[in-house]
Amino acid sequence: MRAVFLDSQTFHPTITFEAIEQVVDTLTYYPLTQPDEIIERAKDAQIIITNKVILTESILSKLPELKLICISATGTNNVDLVAARRLGITVTNVSGYAKQAVSQYVMAQLLNYYCRLASHNQVTTNQTWQQSPTFCVHGQGMTELSGKTFGILGYGSLGQAVARLAHAFGMQVLVAERPNASVLRADRVSFEDMLSRSDIVSLHCPQTSETTGLFNQTVFEQMKPNAVLINTARGGIVNSLDLAQALKSNTIAHAIVDVLEQEPPPSDHPLLDNRLKNITITAHMAWASFEAQQRLLTLLAKNIADYQQGIATNVVN
C-alpha cells in the first residue's frame, strides 16, 4: 500500500520511521502540509498519516484511492470521522504511548512549583547563600506534595499513570465522574466534589462537545483559591479568557498549561501575557519524550499491519 505522511516534522529529527516503512510499499514524507496541498500530495495514496493536518469531508471526498487514515496521536478532532465512515475510509489513532512521559511531566511541574526550585537555585547564583549569616536560606520556602488532594478528570491510561505517581508522593487521589453524570461509579466522585476538594486538578480527558470550554469562570469559582490547574489534554477544554481572569483575580493560585486552543498560539494570546506571573506554559511537549515518540510510531505501524490483515486495531470510526 502507498502511504503519505503529511506532517512528519511534528516528530523530533532523531526519531526513526523504520517501523512504518516496513509495513507499506512506499512512504512519502512531507514535513508540513497546507490545506490546499493535501489533495495533490495524497491523490495516489491509500494511506494518509497525519498528526495535526485537518482532513475535512470536502478533502476526503476528493481522494478515491484512500482506504486508511492513521492519526499519529490520540486526539481525533482533526479528521471528520463521520464522513470517513460514509466514504468507507477506516480511521485509527494511537493511545497509551505517552503515559510515562505525561505523568513524569505533571510531577516535574508540580515539584518545580511546590519546591520553588528556580528561586532556590537563584539563592546561590546571586550570592545570597554565600553571604548568609546562617547555614540555610529559606527563600520562598517549600511545600510538600504529601497530604495534598489530587483531582483527575479523565481516567484513561494517562490519568491512571498520573494517579499512580500521585499516590507514590502520598497524595489523596480523587477521580471525577463525567460532568453532569446522573450516576456515580463506585471509584468516582462527582465533578463538583472533585473541584471543591482538590488542591491540584489535572486534566486528561478528550476534547468533545461536552468538554469544550468546560473549565470556565463558573468552574474556577468552585475550586480552592490555593488550587493548581494542570492541562496536558487539549487547550479547548479550558476557556483561556476565563482562566486568565481567574489567575489575575487569584480565584485559583496557579496554572500549568501544555496545550492551547490554537497551536502555535498568536503572540497576543491572553495566557501569554507577561503580566501573568502565576502560570507556567510549555509548547505542547508533555507527550514528546524520545521514547514516547518512538512507541507511537511503532504502534501506528501495527495499526497498518493489522488493517492489511483485516484486523481492526484502534479504529475510531
Protein backbone atom coordinates (compact mmCIF):
# COMPACT_ATOMS: atom_id res chain seq x y z
CA MET A 1 0.00 0.00 0.00
CA ARG A 2 1.15 3.53 -0.79
CA ALA A 3 1.36 5.85 2.21
CA VAL A 4 1.95 9.57 2.65
CA PHE A 5 2.94 11.29 5.90
CA LEU A 6 1.58 14.83 5.76
CA ASP A 7 3.36 16.38 8.75
CA SER A 8 6.42 14.36 9.70
CA GLN A 9 8.08 17.49 11.14
CA THR A 10 5.83 17.14 14.19
CA PHE A 11 8.30 14.47 15.34
CA HIS A 12 11.84 15.07 16.56
CA PRO A 13 14.52 14.72 13.83
CA THR A 14 16.16 11.80 15.66
CA ILE A 15 13.01 9.67 15.58
CA THR A 16 13.01 6.85 13.02
CA PHE A 17 10.05 5.88 10.82
CA GLU A 18 11.51 2.47 10.02
CA ALA A 19 8.64 0.55 11.62
CA ILE A 20 6.15 2.18 9.22
CA GLU A 21 8.41 1.78 6.20
CA GLN A 22 8.46 -1.97 6.81
CA VAL A 23 4.67 -2.39 6.52
CA VAL A 24 3.96 -0.25 3.43
CA ASP A 25 5.16 -0.41 -0.16
CA THR A 26 6.10 3.26 -0.33
CA LEU A 27 6.13 6.06 2.22
CA THR A 28 6.41 9.68 1.11
CA TYR A 29 7.22 12.29 3.74
CA TYR A 30 6.20 15.92 3.83
CA PRO A 31 7.50 17.97 6.76
CA LEU A 32 4.31 20.09 6.78
CA THR A 33 1.26 20.28 4.54
CA GLN A 34 -1.03 23.24 3.98
CA PRO A 35 -4.76 22.68 3.37
CA ASP A 36 -4.50 23.48 -0.34
CA GLU A 37 -1.68 20.95 -0.75
CA ILE A 38 -3.40 17.90 0.72
CA ILE A 39 -5.28 16.62 -2.33
CA GLU A 40 -2.30 16.86 -4.69
CA ARG A 41 0.02 15.15 -2.23
CA ALA A 42 -2.41 12.39 -1.24
CA LYS A 43 -4.24 11.75 -4.54
CA ASP A 44 -2.45 8.43 -5.16
CA ALA A 45 -2.15 7.35 -1.53
CA GLN A 46 -4.10 4.52 0.03
CA ILE A 47 -2.89 5.52 3.49
CA ILE A 48 -2.63 9.02 4.97
CA ILE A 49 -0.65 9.53 8.15
CA THR A 50 -1.44 12.80 9.89
CA ASN A 51 -0.68 14.24 13.26
CA LYS A 52 -2.45 17.59 13.11
CA VAL A 53 -3.31 18.15 9.43
CA ILE A 54 -7.08 18.60 9.21
CA LEU A 55 -8.96 16.25 6.90
CA THR A 56 -12.46 17.52 6.15
CA GLU A 57 -15.33 15.88 4.27
CA SER A 58 -14.59 18.07 1.26
CA ILE A 59 -10.99 16.87 1.13
CA LEU A 60 -11.77 13.19 1.79
CA SER A 61 -14.39 13.09 -0.94
CA LYS A 62 -11.71 14.01 -3.50
CA LEU A 63 -9.40 11.12 -2.55
CA PRO A 64 -10.99 7.99 -4.07
CA GLU A 65 -7.84 5.88 -3.56
CA LEU A 66 -7.79 6.49 0.19
CA LYS A 67 -8.53 3.47 2.38
CA LEU A 68 -6.91 4.22 5.74
CA ILE A 69 -6.15 7.32 7.81
CA CYS A 70 -3.66 6.84 10.62
CA ILE A 71 -3.74 9.65 13.16
CA SER A 72 -0.32 9.79 14.81
CA ALA A 73 -1.87 10.94 18.08
CA THR A 74 -4.70 10.11 20.45
CA GLY A 75 -7.00 13.02 19.66
CA THR A 76 -9.19 12.57 16.60
CA ASN A 77 -10.77 16.02 16.19
CA ASN A 78 -8.65 16.81 13.09
CA VAL A 79 -10.47 14.19 10.98
CA ASP A 80 -14.16 14.16 10.01
CA LEU A 81 -14.88 10.67 11.32
CA VAL A 82 -18.48 10.58 10.11
CA ALA A 83 -17.51 11.49 6.56
CA ALA A 84 -14.66 8.98 6.59
CA ARG A 85 -17.00 6.22 7.66
CA ARG A 86 -19.54 7.13 4.99
CA LEU A 87 -16.78 7.07 2.36
CA GLY A 88 -15.53 3.68 3.54
CA ILE A 89 -12.27 5.05 4.95
CA THR A 90 -11.01 3.46 8.16
CA VAL A 91 -9.53 5.85 10.74
CA THR A 92 -7.20 4.76 13.53
CA ASN A 93 -5.45 6.56 16.34
CA VAL A 94 -2.77 5.63 18.87
CA SER A 95 -3.16 5.73 22.64
CA GLY A 96 -1.19 4.73 25.70
CA TYR A 97 2.20 5.64 24.25
CA ALA A 98 2.74 8.77 26.35
CA LYS A 99 1.62 7.75 29.83
CA GLN A 100 5.18 7.65 31.14
CA ALA A 101 6.10 10.99 29.56
CA VAL A 102 2.92 12.86 30.58
CA SER A 103 2.89 11.57 34.16
CA GLN A 104 6.58 12.48 34.51
CA TYR A 105 5.87 15.97 33.14
CA VAL A 106 2.98 16.53 35.56
CA MET A 107 5.09 15.57 38.57
CA ALA A 108 8.11 17.55 37.36
CA GLN A 109 5.98 20.69 37.06
CA LEU A 110 4.40 20.14 40.46
CA LEU A 111 7.76 19.56 42.10
CA ASN A 112 9.10 22.71 40.50
CA TYR A 113 6.09 24.71 41.67
CA TYR A 114 5.85 23.46 45.25
CA CYS A 115 9.63 23.23 45.82
CA ARG A 116 10.23 26.67 44.23
CA LEU A 117 13.33 25.22 42.62
CA ALA A 118 14.10 28.14 40.31
CA SER A 119 14.11 30.65 43.17
CA HIS A 120 16.21 28.38 45.37
CA ASN A 121 18.78 27.98 42.61
CA GLN A 122 19.00 31.75 42.35
CA VAL A 123 19.94 31.94 46.03
CA THR A 124 23.37 30.60 45.12
CA THR A 125 23.78 32.26 41.70
CA ASN A 126 23.03 35.72 43.15
CA GLN A 127 25.42 35.17 46.12
CA THR A 128 22.66 35.25 48.77
CA TRP A 129 23.71 31.95 50.36
CA GLN A 130 27.39 32.86 50.28
CA GLN A 131 26.61 36.00 52.29
CA SER A 132 24.10 34.40 54.67
CA PRO A 133 24.70 34.51 58.44
CA THR A 134 23.05 31.07 58.77
CA PHE A 135 23.66 27.70 57.09
CA CYS A 136 20.21 27.66 55.43
CA VAL A 137 18.49 30.26 53.28
CA HIS A 138 14.75 29.62 53.30
CA GLY A 139 13.91 31.96 50.45
CA GLN A 140 10.41 31.31 49.17
CA GLY A 141 10.18 28.10 51.18
CA MET A 142 8.97 24.69 50.08
CA THR A 143 5.67 22.79 50.39
CA GLU A 144 5.23 19.02 50.47
CA LEU A 145 3.11 17.16 47.95
CA SER A 146 2.32 14.56 50.56
CA GLY A 147 -1.12 15.17 52.03
CA LYS A 148 -2.37 17.17 49.06
CA THR A 149 -5.61 16.18 47.33
CA PHE A 150 -5.08 15.44 43.65
CA GLY A 151 -8.14 15.60 41.38
CA ILE A 152 -8.24 13.94 37.98
CA LEU A 153 -10.71 14.42 35.13
CA GLY A 154 -10.19 11.69 32.55
CA TYR A 155 -9.14 8.29 33.84
CA GLY A 156 -7.72 6.52 30.81
CA SER A 157 -4.14 5.35 30.57
CA LEU A 158 -2.77 8.87 31.14
CA GLY A 159 -4.97 9.64 34.13
CA GLN A 160 -4.18 6.29 35.70
CA ALA A 161 -0.43 6.76 35.23
CA VAL A 162 -0.58 10.18 36.87
CA ALA A 163 -2.67 8.75 39.72
CA ARG A 164 -0.04 6.10 40.45
CA LEU A 165 2.66 8.75 40.84
CA ALA A 166 0.38 10.95 42.92
CA HIS A 167 -0.21 8.03 45.28
CA ALA A 168 3.54 7.44 45.45
CA PHE A 169 4.04 11.01 46.66
CA GLY A 170 1.45 10.49 49.39
CA MET A 171 -1.38 12.41 47.82
CA GLN A 172 -5.06 11.54 48.07
CA VAL A 173 -6.44 10.96 44.57
CA LEU A 174 -9.99 11.90 43.58
CA VAL A 175 -11.20 10.66 40.20
CA ALA A 176 -14.05 12.78 38.90
CA GLU A 177 -17.12 11.36 37.25
CA ARG A 178 -18.10 12.95 33.96
CA PRO A 179 -19.69 16.39 34.45
CA ASN A 180 -23.49 16.24 34.76
CA ALA A 181 -23.44 12.46 35.20
CA SER A 182 -26.59 11.14 36.84
CA VAL A 183 -24.86 8.07 38.31
CA LEU A 184 -21.54 7.91 40.14
CA ARG A 185 -19.37 4.87 39.59
CA ALA A 186 -18.01 3.22 42.71
CA ASP A 187 -14.49 4.61 42.31
CA ARG A 188 -15.53 8.16 41.34
CA VAL A 189 -16.64 11.37 42.99
CA SER A 190 -18.83 13.99 41.38
CA PHE A 191 -17.16 16.57 39.18
CA GLU A 192 -18.21 19.33 41.58
CA ASP A 193 -16.91 17.42 44.61
CA MET A 194 -13.54 16.93 42.93
CA LEU A 195 -13.31 20.64 42.14
CA SER A 196 -14.14 21.82 45.65
CA ARG A 197 -11.81 19.37 47.45
CA SER A 198 -8.73 19.27 45.23
CA ASP A 199 -5.50 21.18 45.78
CA ILE A 200 -4.44 20.10 42.29
CA VAL A 201 -6.72 19.45 39.31
CA SER A 202 -5.19 17.58 36.38
CA LEU A 203 -6.98 17.23 33.03
CA HIS A 204 -6.62 14.06 30.95
CA CYS A 205 -9.97 13.89 29.14
CA PRO A 206 -10.57 14.18 25.40
CA GLN A 207 -11.97 17.36 23.90
CA THR A 208 -15.56 16.71 22.90
CA SER A 209 -18.68 18.81 22.53
CA GLU A 210 -19.30 18.19 26.25
CA THR A 211 -15.80 19.19 27.42
CA THR A 212 -15.06 22.12 25.10
CA GLY A 213 -14.91 25.24 27.25
CA LEU A 214 -15.77 23.18 30.32
CA PHE A 215 -13.29 24.96 32.57
CA ASN A 216 -14.73 28.44 32.65
CA GLN A 217 -15.36 31.14 35.24
CA THR A 218 -18.10 29.11 36.94
CA VAL A 219 -15.82 26.11 37.35
CA PHE A 220 -12.84 28.16 38.55
CA GLU A 221 -15.04 29.71 41.23
CA GLN A 222 -15.77 26.21 42.54
CA MET A 223 -12.06 25.45 43.01
CA LYS A 224 -9.95 26.24 46.05
CA PRO A 225 -8.16 29.61 45.96
CA ASN A 226 -4.87 27.74 46.51
CA ALA A 227 -5.61 25.25 43.72
CA VAL A 228 -3.28 24.46 40.82
CA LEU A 229 -4.80 23.58 37.44
CA ILE A 230 -2.78 21.35 35.06
CA ASN A 231 -3.86 20.90 31.45
CA THR A 232 -1.95 18.38 29.36
CA ALA A 233 -5.09 17.27 27.48
CA ARG A 234 -6.46 19.74 24.91
CA GLY A 235 -6.40 23.51 25.02
CA GLY A 236 -10.05 23.87 24.07
CA ILE A 237 -11.18 22.23 27.31
CA VAL A 238 -10.24 25.46 29.08
CA ASN A 239 -11.71 28.88 28.35
CA SER A 240 -8.47 30.87 28.11
CA LEU A 241 -10.03 34.28 28.76
CA ASP A 242 -11.73 32.98 31.90
CA LEU A 243 -8.52 31.28 33.07
CA ALA A 244 -6.54 34.48 32.59
CA GLN A 245 -9.10 36.37 34.67
CA ALA A 246 -9.12 33.66 37.36
CA LEU A 247 -5.35 33.95 37.64
CA LYS A 248 -5.40 37.76 37.72
CA SER A 249 -8.04 37.76 40.46
CA ASN A 250 -6.37 34.89 42.36
CA THR A 251 -9.54 32.83 42.09
CA ILE A 252 -7.06 29.94 41.72
CA ALA A 253 -3.39 30.08 42.63
CA HIS A 254 -1.58 28.78 39.56
CA ALA A 255 -2.00 27.09 36.19
CA ILE A 256 0.35 24.73 34.38
CA VAL A 257 -0.58 24.61 30.70
CA ASP A 258 0.97 22.48 27.94
CA VAL A 259 -1.82 22.96 25.38
CA LEU A 260 -3.77 25.88 23.97
CA GLU A 261 -6.86 26.02 21.76
CA GLN A 262 -4.72 27.35 18.88
CA GLU A 263 -1.27 25.87 18.30
CA PRO A 264 1.02 27.59 17.70
CA PRO A 265 -0.76 30.41 19.53
CA PRO A 266 -0.91 34.05 18.42
CA SER A 267 1.51 36.36 20.18
CA ASP A 268 -1.38 38.20 21.84
CA HIS A 269 -2.94 35.07 23.35
CA PRO A 270 -4.44 36.01 26.76
CA LEU A 271 -2.43 33.38 28.63
CA LEU A 272 0.86 34.61 27.14
CA ASP A 273 0.51 37.98 28.82
CA ASN A 274 3.82 38.67 30.57
CA ARG A 275 1.93 40.31 33.41
CA LEU A 276 0.56 36.89 34.40
CA LYS A 277 3.07 35.62 36.94
CA ASN A 278 1.11 32.62 38.21
CA ILE A 279 1.10 30.50 35.07
CA THR A 280 3.62 28.09 33.57
CA ILE A 281 3.25 27.38 29.84
CA THR A 282 5.09 24.87 27.67
CA ALA A 283 4.74 24.22 23.95
CA HIS A 284 2.65 21.01 23.78
CA MET A 285 5.64 18.84 24.62
CA ALA A 286 4.50 16.82 27.67
CA TRP A 287 3.83 13.79 25.43
CA ALA A 288 7.04 14.04 23.47
CA SER A 289 9.79 12.11 25.23
CA PHE A 290 12.05 10.40 22.70
CA GLU A 291 10.77 7.06 23.95
CA ALA A 292 7.11 8.05 23.65
CA GLN A 293 7.53 9.28 20.09
CA GLN A 294 9.15 6.02 19.04
CA ARG A 295 6.47 3.97 20.81
CA LEU A 296 3.79 5.94 19.00
CA LEU A 297 5.22 5.21 15.56
CA THR A 298 5.70 1.54 16.39
CA LEU A 299 2.05 1.30 17.44
CA LEU A 300 0.96 3.19 14.33
CA ALA A 301 2.85 0.68 12.17
CA LYS A 302 0.97 -2.10 13.94
CA ASN A 303 -2.33 -0.39 13.11
CA ILE A 304 -1.37 -0.52 9.43
CA ALA A 305 -0.16 -4.12 9.55
CA ASP A 306 -3.34 -5.23 11.33
CA TYR A 307 -5.55 -3.36 8.85
CA GLN A 308 -3.87 -5.18 5.98
CA GLN A 309 -4.71 -8.47 7.70
CA GLY A 310 -8.33 -7.50 8.28
CA ILE A 311 -7.86 -6.81 11.99
CA ALA A 312 -9.50 -3.66 13.38
CA THR A 313 -6.95 -2.20 15.80
CA ASN A 314 -7.53 1.25 17.35
CA VAL A 315 -10.29 2.03 14.84
CA VAL A 316 -12.09 5.20 15.92
CA ASN A 317 -14.87 5.45 13.29
